[in-house]
Amino acid sequence: LYYAENLSKKYSTNIYLKREDLNHTGAH
């Protein structure tokens, strides 16, 4: 669960990305 610091700054909030793209095969 990645805190996207740059994205958070852009939208002035706290955005976390759940990285299902990092699973084996590349998706959920």
PDB file of all heavy atoms in Angstrom:
ATOM      1  N   LEU A   1       0.894  -1.152   0.000  1.00  0.00           N
ATOM      2  CA  LEU A   1       0.000   0.000   0.000  1.00  0.00           C
ATOM      3  C   LEU A   1       0.938   1.209   0.000  1.00  0.00           C
ATOM      4  O   LEU A   1       1.550   1.530   1.016  1.00  0.00           O
ATOM      5  CB  LEU A   1      -0.908   0.007   1.224  1.00  0.00           C
ATOM      6  CG  LEU A   1      -1.930   1.153   1.263  1.00  0.00           C
ATOM      7  CD1 LEU A   1      -2.986   0.987   0.167  1.00  0.00           C
ATOM      8  CD2 LEU A   1      -2.619   1.230   2.628  1.00  0.00           C
ATOM      9  N   TYR A   2       1.061   1.840  -1.152  1.00  0.00           N
ATOM     10  CA  TYR A   2       2.103   2.845  -1.385  1.00  0.00           C
ATOM     11  C   TYR A   2       1.544   4.256  -1.245  1.00  0.00           C
ATOM     12  O   TYR A   2       0.579   4.620  -1.920  1.00  0.00           O
ATOM     13  CB  TYR A   2       2.684   2.628  -2.787  1.00  0.00           C
ATOM     14  CG  TYR A   2       3.510   3.780  -3.313  1.00  0.00           C
ATOM     15  CD1 TYR A   2       4.716   4.136  -2.699  1.00  0.00           C
ATOM     16  CD2 TYR A   2       3.092   4.515  -4.420  1.00  0.00           C
ATOM     17  CE1 TYR A   2       5.469   5.203  -3.179  1.00  0.00           C
ATOM     18  CE2 TYR A   2       3.843   5.574  -4.910  1.00  0.00           C
ATOM     19  CZ  TYR A   2       5.026   5.915  -4.281  1.00  0.00           C
ATOM     20  OH  TYR A   2       5.768   6.965  -4.751  1.00  0.00           O
ATOM     21  N   TYR A   3       2.166   5.048  -0.354  1.00  0.00           N
ATOM     22  CA  TYR A   3       1.790   6.454  -0.230  1.00  0.00           C
ATOM     23  C   TYR A   3       2.377   7.224  -1.405  1.00  0.00           C
ATOM     24  O   TYR A   3       3.613   7.377  -1.510  1.00  0.00           O
ATOM     25  CB  TYR A   3       2.275   7.045   1.093  1.00  0.00           C
ATOM     26  CG  TYR A   3       1.934   8.515   1.244  1.00  0.00           C
ATOM     27  CD1 TYR A   3       0.600   8.910   1.385  1.00  0.00           C
ATOM     28  CD2 TYR A   3       2.917   9.498   1.218  1.00  0.00           C
ATOM     29  CE1 TYR A   3       0.270  10.257   1.505  1.00  0.00           C
ATOM     30  CE2 TYR A   3       2.595  10.838   1.345  1.00  0.00           C
ATOM     31  CZ  TYR A   3       1.265  11.210   1.486  1.00  0.00           C
ATOM     32  OH  TYR A   3       0.930  12.541   1.594  1.00  0.00           O
ATOM     33  N   ALA A   4       1.524   7.663  -2.314  1.00  0.00           N
ATOM     34  CA  ALA A   4       1.960   8.355  -3.529  1.00  0.00           C
ATOM     35  C   ALA A   4       2.173   9.828  -3.212  1.00  0.00           C
ATOM     36  O   ALA A   4       1.258  10.653  -3.346  1.00  0.00           O
ATOM     37  CB  ALA A   4       0.923   8.164  -4.633  1.00  0.00           C
ATOM     38  N   GLU A   5       3.392  10.159  -2.810  1.00  0.00           N
ATOM     39  CA  GLU A   5       3.683  11.509  -2.295  1.00  0.00           C
ATOM     40  C   GLU A   5       3.461  12.583  -3.354  1.00  0.00           C
ATOM     41  O   GLU A   5       2.874  13.637  -3.070  1.00  0.00           O
ATOM     42  CB  GLU A   5       5.117  11.563  -1.776  1.00  0.00           C
ATOM     43  CG  GLU A   5       5.461  12.855  -1.065  1.00  0.00           C
ATOM     44  CD  GLU A   5       6.815  12.817  -0.384  1.00  0.00           C
ATOM     45  OE1 GLU A   5       7.394  11.720  -0.271  1.00  0.00           O
ATOM     46  OE2 GLU A   5       7.287  13.892   0.033  1.00  0.00           O
ATOM     47  N   ASN A   6       3.931  12.346  -4.568  1.00  0.00           N
ATOM     48  CA  ASN A   6       3.810  13.367  -5.614  1.00  0.00           C
ATOM     49  C   ASN A   6       2.358  13.563  -6.053  1.00  0.00           C
ATOM     50  O   ASN A   6       1.907  14.688  -6.284  1.00  0.00           O
ATOM     51  CB  ASN A   6       4.678  12.987  -6.819  1.00  0.00           C
ATOM     52  CG  ASN A   6       6.142  12.945  -6.453  1.00  0.00           C
ATOM     53  OD1 ASN A   6       6.612  13.724  -5.619  1.00  0.00           O
ATOM     54  ND2 ASN A   6       6.892  12.027  -7.051  1.00  0.00           N
ATOM     55  N   LEU A   7       1.636  12.453  -6.158  1.00  0.00           N
ATOM     56  CA  LEU A   7       0.218  12.526  -6.508  1.00  0.00           C
ATOM     57  C   LEU A   7      -0.563  13.226  -5.391  1.00  0.00           C
ATOM     58  O   LEU A   7      -1.467  14.022  -5.651  1.00  0.00           O
ATOM     59  CB  LEU A   7      -0.322  11.103  -6.738  1.00  0.00           C
ATOM     60  CG  LEU A   7      -1.501  10.910  -7.692  1.00  0.00           C
ATOM     61  CD1 LEU A   7      -1.184  11.406  -9.095  1.00  0.00           C
ATOM     62  CD2 LEU A   7      -1.894   9.426  -7.749  1.00  0.00           C
ATOM     63  N   SER A   8      -0.194  12.930  -4.160  1.00  0.00           N
ATOM     64  CA  SER A   8      -0.856  13.554  -3.006  1.00  0.00           C
ATOM     65  C   SER A   8      -0.655  15.068  -3.000  1.00  0.00           C
ATOM     66  O   SER A   8      -1.582  15.840  -2.730  1.00  0.00           O
ATOM     67  CB  SER A   8      -0.330  12.946  -1.699  1.00  0.00           C
ATOM     68  OG  SER A   8      -0.643  11.567  -1.614  1.00  0.00           O
ATOM     69  N   LYS A   9       0.564  15.497  -3.330  1.00  0.00           N
ATOM     70  CA  LYS A   9       0.843  16.941  -3.386  1.00  0.00           C
ATOM     71  C   LYS A   9       0.009  17.610  -4.469  1.00  0.00           C
ATOM     72  O   LYS A   9      -0.541  18.697  -4.271  1.00  0.00           O
ATOM     73  CB  LYS A   9       2.329  17.177  -3.650  1.00  0.00           C
ATOM     74  CG  LYS A   9       3.223  16.976  -2.441  1.00  0.00           C
ATOM     75  CD  LYS A   9       4.687  17.211  -2.805  1.00  0.00           C
ATOM     76  CE  LYS A   9       5.586  16.942  -1.599  1.00  0.00           C
ATOM     77  NZ  LYS A   9       7.023  17.028  -1.980  1.00  0.00           N
ATOM     78  N   LYS A  10      -0.094  16.949  -5.612  1.00  0.00           N
ATOM     79  CA  LYS A  10      -0.833  17.534  -6.728  1.00  0.00           C
ATOM     80  C   LYS A  10      -2.295  17.764  -6.366  1.00  0.00           C
ATOM     81  O   LYS A  10      -2.888  18.782  -6.730  1.00  0.00           O
ATOM     82  CB  LYS A  10      -0.731  16.643  -7.966  1.00  0.00           C
ATOM     83  CG  LYS A  10      -1.561  17.174  -9.148  1.00  0.00           C
ATOM     84  CD  LYS A  10      -1.343  16.410 -10.420  1.00  0.00           C
ATOM     85  CE  LYS A  10      -2.274  16.896 -11.524  1.00  0.00           C
ATOM     86  NZ  LYS A  10      -2.185  18.338 -11.792  1.00  0.00           N
ATOM     87  N   TYR A  11      -2.888  16.814  -5.660  1.00  0.00           N
ATOM     88  CA  TYR A  11      -4.321  16.915  -5.336  1.00  0.00           C
ATOM     89  C   TYR A  11      -4.578  17.399  -3.913  1.00  0.00           C
ATOM     90  O   TYR A  11      -5.730  17.392  -3.457  1.00  0.00           O
ATOM     91  CB  TYR A  11      -5.001  15.559  -5.581  1.00  0.00           C
ATOM     92  CG  TYR A  11      -5.062  15.210  -7.058  1.00  0.00           C
ATOM     93  CD1 TYR A  11      -4.139  14.329  -7.622  1.00  0.00           C
ATOM     94  CD2 TYR A  11      -6.002  15.795  -7.892  1.00  0.00           C
ATOM     95  CE1 TYR A  11      -4.173  14.025  -8.981  1.00  0.00           C
ATOM     96  CE2 TYR A  11      -6.047  15.497  -9.252  1.00  0.00           C
ATOM     97  CZ  TYR A  11      -5.129  14.619  -9.779  1.00  0.00           C
ATOM     98  OH  TYR A  11      -5.170  14.332 -11.135  1.00  0.00           O
ATOM     99  N   SER A  12      -3.528  17.782  -3.216  1.00  0.00           N
ATOM    100  CA  SER A  12      -3.636  18.347  -1.860  1.00  0.00           C
ATOM    101  C   SER A  12      -4.430  17.443  -0.928  1.00  0.00           C
ATOM    102  O   SER A  12      -5.345  17.885  -0.221  1.00  0.00           O
ATOM    103  CB  SER A  12      -4.273  19.747  -1.909  1.00  0.00           C
ATOM    104  OG  SER A  12      -3.513  20.608  -2.715  1.00  0.00           O
ATOM    105  N   THR A  13      -4.074  16.171  -0.941  1.00  0.00           N
ATOM    106  CA  THR A  13      -4.714  15.202  -0.056  1.00  0.00           C
ATOM    107  C   THR A  13      -3.722  14.062   0.177  1.00  0.00           C
ATOM    108  O   THR A  13      -2.525  14.207  -0.079  1.00  0.00           O
ATOM    109  CB  THR A  13      -6.052  14.725  -0.648  1.00  0.00           C
ATOM    110  OG1 THR A  13      -6.775  14.004   0.348  1.00  0.00           O
ATOM    111  CG2 THR A  13      -5.864  13.868  -1.882  1.00  0.00           C
ATOM    112  N   ASN A  14      -4.185  12.937   0.701  1.00  0.00           N
ATOM    113  CA  ASN A  14      -3.307  11.805   1.008  1.00  0.00           C
ATOM    114  C   ASN A  14      -3.754  10.583   0.212  1.00  0.00           C
ATOM    115  O   ASN A  14      -4.782   9.975   0.528  1.00  0.00           O
ATOM    116  CB  ASN A  14      -3.354  11.502   2.507  1.00  0.00           C
ATOM    117  CG  ASN A  14      -2.953  12.711   3.331  1.00  0.00           C
ATOM    118  OD1 ASN A  14      -1.780  13.078   3.400  1.00  0.00           O
ATOM    119  ND2 ASN A  14      -3.948  13.363   3.941  1.00  0.00           N
ATOM    120  N   ILE A  15      -2.986  10.255  -0.823  1.00  0.00           N
ATOM    121  CA  ILE A  15      -3.378   9.196  -1.747  1.00  0.00           C
ATOM    122  C   ILE A  15      -2.476   7.977  -1.577  1.00  0.00           C
ATOM    123  O   ILE A  15      -1.241   8.083  -1.642  1.00  0.00           O
ATOM    124  CB  ILE A  15      -3.323   9.697  -3.206  1.00  0.00           C
ATOM    125  CG1 ILE A  15      -4.286  10.872  -3.394  1.00  0.00           C
ATOM    126  CG2 ILE A  15      -3.649   8.559  -4.181  1.00  0.00           C
ATOM    127  CD1 ILE A  15      -4.127  11.595  -4.725  1.00  0.00           C
ATOM    128  N   TYR A  16      -3.108   6.844  -1.359  1.00  0.00           N
ATOM    129  CA  TYR A  16      -2.404   5.572  -1.243  1.00  0.00           C
ATOM    130  C   TYR A  16      -2.814   4.676  -2.410  1.00  0.00           C
ATOM    131  O   TYR A  16      -4.005   4.558  -2.716  1.00  0.00           O
ATOM    132  CB  TYR A  16      -2.755   4.873   0.077  1.00  0.00           C
ATOM    133  CG  TYR A  16      -2.229   5.573   1.311  1.00  0.00           C
ATOM    134  CD1 TYR A  16      -2.902   6.669   1.854  1.00  0.00           C
ATOM    135  CD2 TYR A  16      -1.066   5.144   1.941  1.00  0.00           C
ATOM    136  CE1 TYR A  16      -2.431   7.321   2.984  1.00  0.00           C
ATOM    137  CE2 TYR A  16      -0.583   5.790   3.081  1.00  0.00           C
ATOM    138  CZ  TYR A  16      -1.263   6.872   3.599  1.00  0.00           C
ATOM    139  OH  TYR A  16      -0.789   7.506   4.716  1.00  0.00           O
ATOM    140  N   LEU A  17      -1.835   4.039  -3.037  1.00  0.00           N
ATOM    141  CA  LEU A  17      -2.101   3.129  -4.148  1.00  0.00           C
ATOM    142  C   LEU A  17      -1.917   1.685  -3.685  1.00  0.00           C
ATOM    143  O   LEU A  17      -0.833   1.322  -3.192  1.00  0.00           O
ATOM    144  CB  LEU A  17      -1.156   3.406  -5.322  1.00  0.00           C
ATOM    145  CG  LEU A  17      -1.158   4.829  -5.886  1.00  0.00           C
ATOM    146  CD1 LEU A  17      -0.132   4.940  -7.012  1.00  0.00           C
ATOM    147  CD2 LEU A  17      -2.541   5.222  -6.376  1.00  0.00           C
ATOM    148  N   LYS A  18      -2.960   0.883  -3.825  1.00  0.00           N
ATOM    149  CA  LYS A  18      -2.848  -0.548  -3.536  1.00  0.00           C
ATOM    150  C   LYS A  18      -2.264  -1.216  -4.782  1.00  0.00           C
ATOM    151  O   LYS A  18      -2.921  -1.297  -5.816  1.00  0.00           O
ATOM    152  CB  LYS A  18      -4.210  -1.139  -3.166  1.00  0.00           C
ATOM    153  CG  LYS A  18      -4.167  -2.628  -2.806  1.00  0.00           C
ATOM    154  CD  LYS A  18      -3.223  -2.929  -1.665  1.00  0.00           C
ATOM    155  CE  LYS A  18      -3.324  -4.401  -1.239  1.00  0.00           C
ATOM    156  NZ  LYS A  18      -2.162  -4.821  -0.422  1.00  0.00           N
ATOM    157  N   ARG A  19      -1.031  -1.700  -4.680  1.00  0.00           N
ATOM    158  CA  ARG A  19      -0.233  -2.071  -5.840  1.00  0.00           C
ATOM    159  C   ARG A  19      -0.503  -3.509  -6.310  1.00  0.00           C
ATOM    160  O   ARG A  19       0.386  -4.375  -6.309  1.00  0.00           O
ATOM    161  CB  ARG A  19       1.248  -1.860  -5.538  1.00  0.00           C
ATOM    162  CG  ARG A  19       1.652  -0.409  -5.242  1.00  0.00           C
ATOM    163  CD  ARG A  19       1.541   0.498  -6.447  1.00  0.00           C
ATOM    164  NE  ARG A  19       2.286  -0.008  -7.596  1.00  0.00           N
ATOM    165  CZ  ARG A  19       3.593   0.180  -7.797  1.00  0.00           C
ATOM    166  NH1 ARG A  19       4.311   0.880  -6.936  1.00  0.00           N
ATOM    167  NH2 ARG A  19       4.178  -0.300  -8.878  1.00  0.00           N
ATOM    168  N   GLU A  20      -1.709  -3.764  -6.803  1.00  0.00           N
ATOM    169  CA  GLU A  20      -2.023  -5.085  -7.369  1.00  0.00           C
ATOM    170  C   GLU A  20      -1.246  -5.337  -8.663  1.00  0.00           C
ATOM    171  O   GLU A  20      -1.131  -6.473  -9.121  1.00  0.00           O
ATOM    172  CB  GLU A  20      -3.524  -5.215  -7.608  1.00  0.00           C
ATOM    173  CG  GLU A  20      -4.355  -5.279  -6.343  1.00  0.00           C
ATOM    174  CD  GLU A  20      -3.980  -6.467  -5.466  1.00  0.00           C
ATOM    175  OE1 GLU A  20      -4.228  -7.616  -5.869  1.00  0.00           O
ATOM    176  OE2 GLU A  20      -3.419  -6.242  -4.371  1.00  0.00           O
ATOM    177  N   ASP A  21      -0.718  -4.262  -9.241  1.00  0.00           N
ATOM    178  CA  ASP A  21       0.113  -4.406 -10.451  1.00  0.00           C
ATOM    179  C   ASP A  21       1.406  -5.157 -10.171  1.00  0.00           C
ATOM    180  O   ASP A  21       2.071  -5.638 -11.100  1.00  0.00           O
ATOM    181  CB  ASP A  21       0.429  -3.032 -11.046  1.00  0.00           C
ATOM    182  CG  ASP A  21       1.157  -2.117 -10.058  1.00  0.00           C
ATOM    183  OD1 ASP A  21       0.694  -1.993  -8.909  1.00  0.00           O
ATOM    184  OD2 ASP A  21       2.187  -1.536 -10.443  1.00  0.00           O
ATOM    185  N   LEU A  22       1.777  -5.287  -8.901  1.00  0.00           N
ATOM    186  CA  LEU A  22       3.023  -5.964  -8.541  1.00  0.00           C
ATOM    187  C   LEU A  22       2.847  -7.458  -8.275  1.00  0.00           C
ATOM    188  O   LEU A  22       3.823  -8.151  -7.974  1.00  0.00           O
ATOM    189  CB  LEU A  22       3.668  -5.276  -7.324  1.00  0.00           C
ATOM    190  CG  LEU A  22       4.096  -3.820  -7.564  1.00  0.00           C
ATOM    191  CD1 LEU A  22       4.688  -3.221  -6.303  1.00  0.00           C
ATOM    192  CD2 LEU A  22       5.100  -3.736  -8.710  1.00  0.00           C
ATOM    193  N   ASN A  23       1.638  -7.955  -8.386  1.00  0.00           N
ATOM    194  CA  ASN A  23       1.413  -9.398  -8.294  1.00  0.00           C
ATOM    195  C   ASN A  23       2.106 -10.132  -9.437  1.00  0.00           C
ATOM    196  O   ASN A  23       2.298  -9.579 -10.523  1.00  0.00           O
ATOM    197  CB  ASN A  23      -0.086  -9.719  -8.396  1.00  0.00           C
ATOM    198  CG  ASN A  23      -0.841  -9.466  -7.122  1.00  0.00           C
ATOM    199  OD1 ASN A  23      -0.330  -9.694  -6.035  1.00  0.00           O
ATOM    200  ND2 ASN A  23      -2.075  -9.004  -7.252  1.00  0.00           N
ATOM    201  N   HIS A  24       2.430 -11.404  -9.225  1.00  0.00           N
ATOM    202  CA  HIS A  24       2.858 -12.267 -10.320  1.00  0.00           C
ATOM    203  C   HIS A  24       1.778 -12.230 -11.408  1.00  0.00           C
ATOM    204  O   HIS A  24       0.595 -12.315 -11.100  1.00  0.00           O
ATOM    205  CB  HIS A  24       3.046 -13.696  -9.798  1.00  0.00           C
ATOM    206  CG  HIS A  24       3.446 -14.688 -10.847  1.00  0.00           C
ATOM    207  ND1 HIS A  24       4.377 -14.403 -11.806  1.00  0.00           N
ATOM    208  CD2 HIS A  24       3.031 -15.958 -11.079  1.00  0.00           C
ATOM    209  CE1 HIS A  24       4.531 -15.462 -12.591  1.00  0.00           C
ATOM    210  NE2 HIS A  24       3.717 -16.420 -12.175  1.00  0.00           N
ATOM    211  N   THR A  25       2.176 -12.054 -12.625  1.00  0.00           N
ATOM    212  CA  THR A  25       1.333 -11.871 -13.837  1.00  0.00           C
ATOM    213  C   THR A  25       0.879 -10.435 -14.031  1.00  0.00           C
ATOM    214  O   THR A  25       0.292 -10.114 -15.052  1.00  0.00           O
ATOM    215  CB  THR A  25       0.120 -12.821 -13.939  1.00  0.00           C
ATOM    216  OG1 THR A  25      -0.902 -12.435 -13.012  1.00  0.00           O
ATOM    217  CG2 THR A  25       0.516 -14.274 -13.701  1.00  0.00           C
ATOM    218  N   GLY A  26       1.093  -9.553 -13.058  1.00  0.00           N
ATOM    219  CA  GLY A  26       0.877  -8.133 -13.295  1.00  0.00           C
ATOM    220  C   GLY A  26      -0.494  -7.570 -13.035  1.00  0.00           C
ATOM    221  O   GLY A  26      -0.777  -6.444 -13.453  1.00  0.00           O
ATOM    222  N   ALA A  27      -1.341  -8.304 -12.340  1.00  0.00           N
ATOM    223  CA  ALA A  27      -2.678  -7.778 -12.031  1.00  0.00           C
ATOM    224  C   ALA A  27      -3.303  -8.572 -10.890  1.00  0.00           C
ATOM    225  O   ALA A  27      -2.777  -9.604 -10.454  1.00  0.00           O
ATOM    226  CB  ALA A  27      -3.579  -7.837 -13.270  1.00  0.00           C
ATOM    227  N   HIS A  28      -4.466  -8.092 -10.457  1.00  0.00           N
ATOM    228  CA  HIS A  28      -5.200  -8.749  -9.362  1.00  0.00           C
ATOM    229  C   HIS A  28      -5.779 -10.095  -9.756  1.00  0.00           C
ATOM    230  O   HIS A  28      -6.131 -10.901  -8.899  1.00  0.00           O
ATOM    231  CB  HIS A  28      -6.339  -7.839  -8.906  1.00  0.00           C
ATOM    232  CG  HIS A  28      -7.445  -7.728  -9.906  1.00  0.00           C
ATOM    233  ND1 HIS A  28      -7.292  -7.044 -11.106  1.00  0.00           N
ATOM    234  CD2 HIS A  28      -8.709  -8.235  -9.933  1.00  0.00           C
ATOM    235  CE1 HIS A  28      -8.411  -7.132 -11.798  1.00  0.00           C
ATOM    236  NE2 HIS A  28      -9.278  -7.843 -11.118  1.00  0.00           N
TER     237      HIS A  28
END
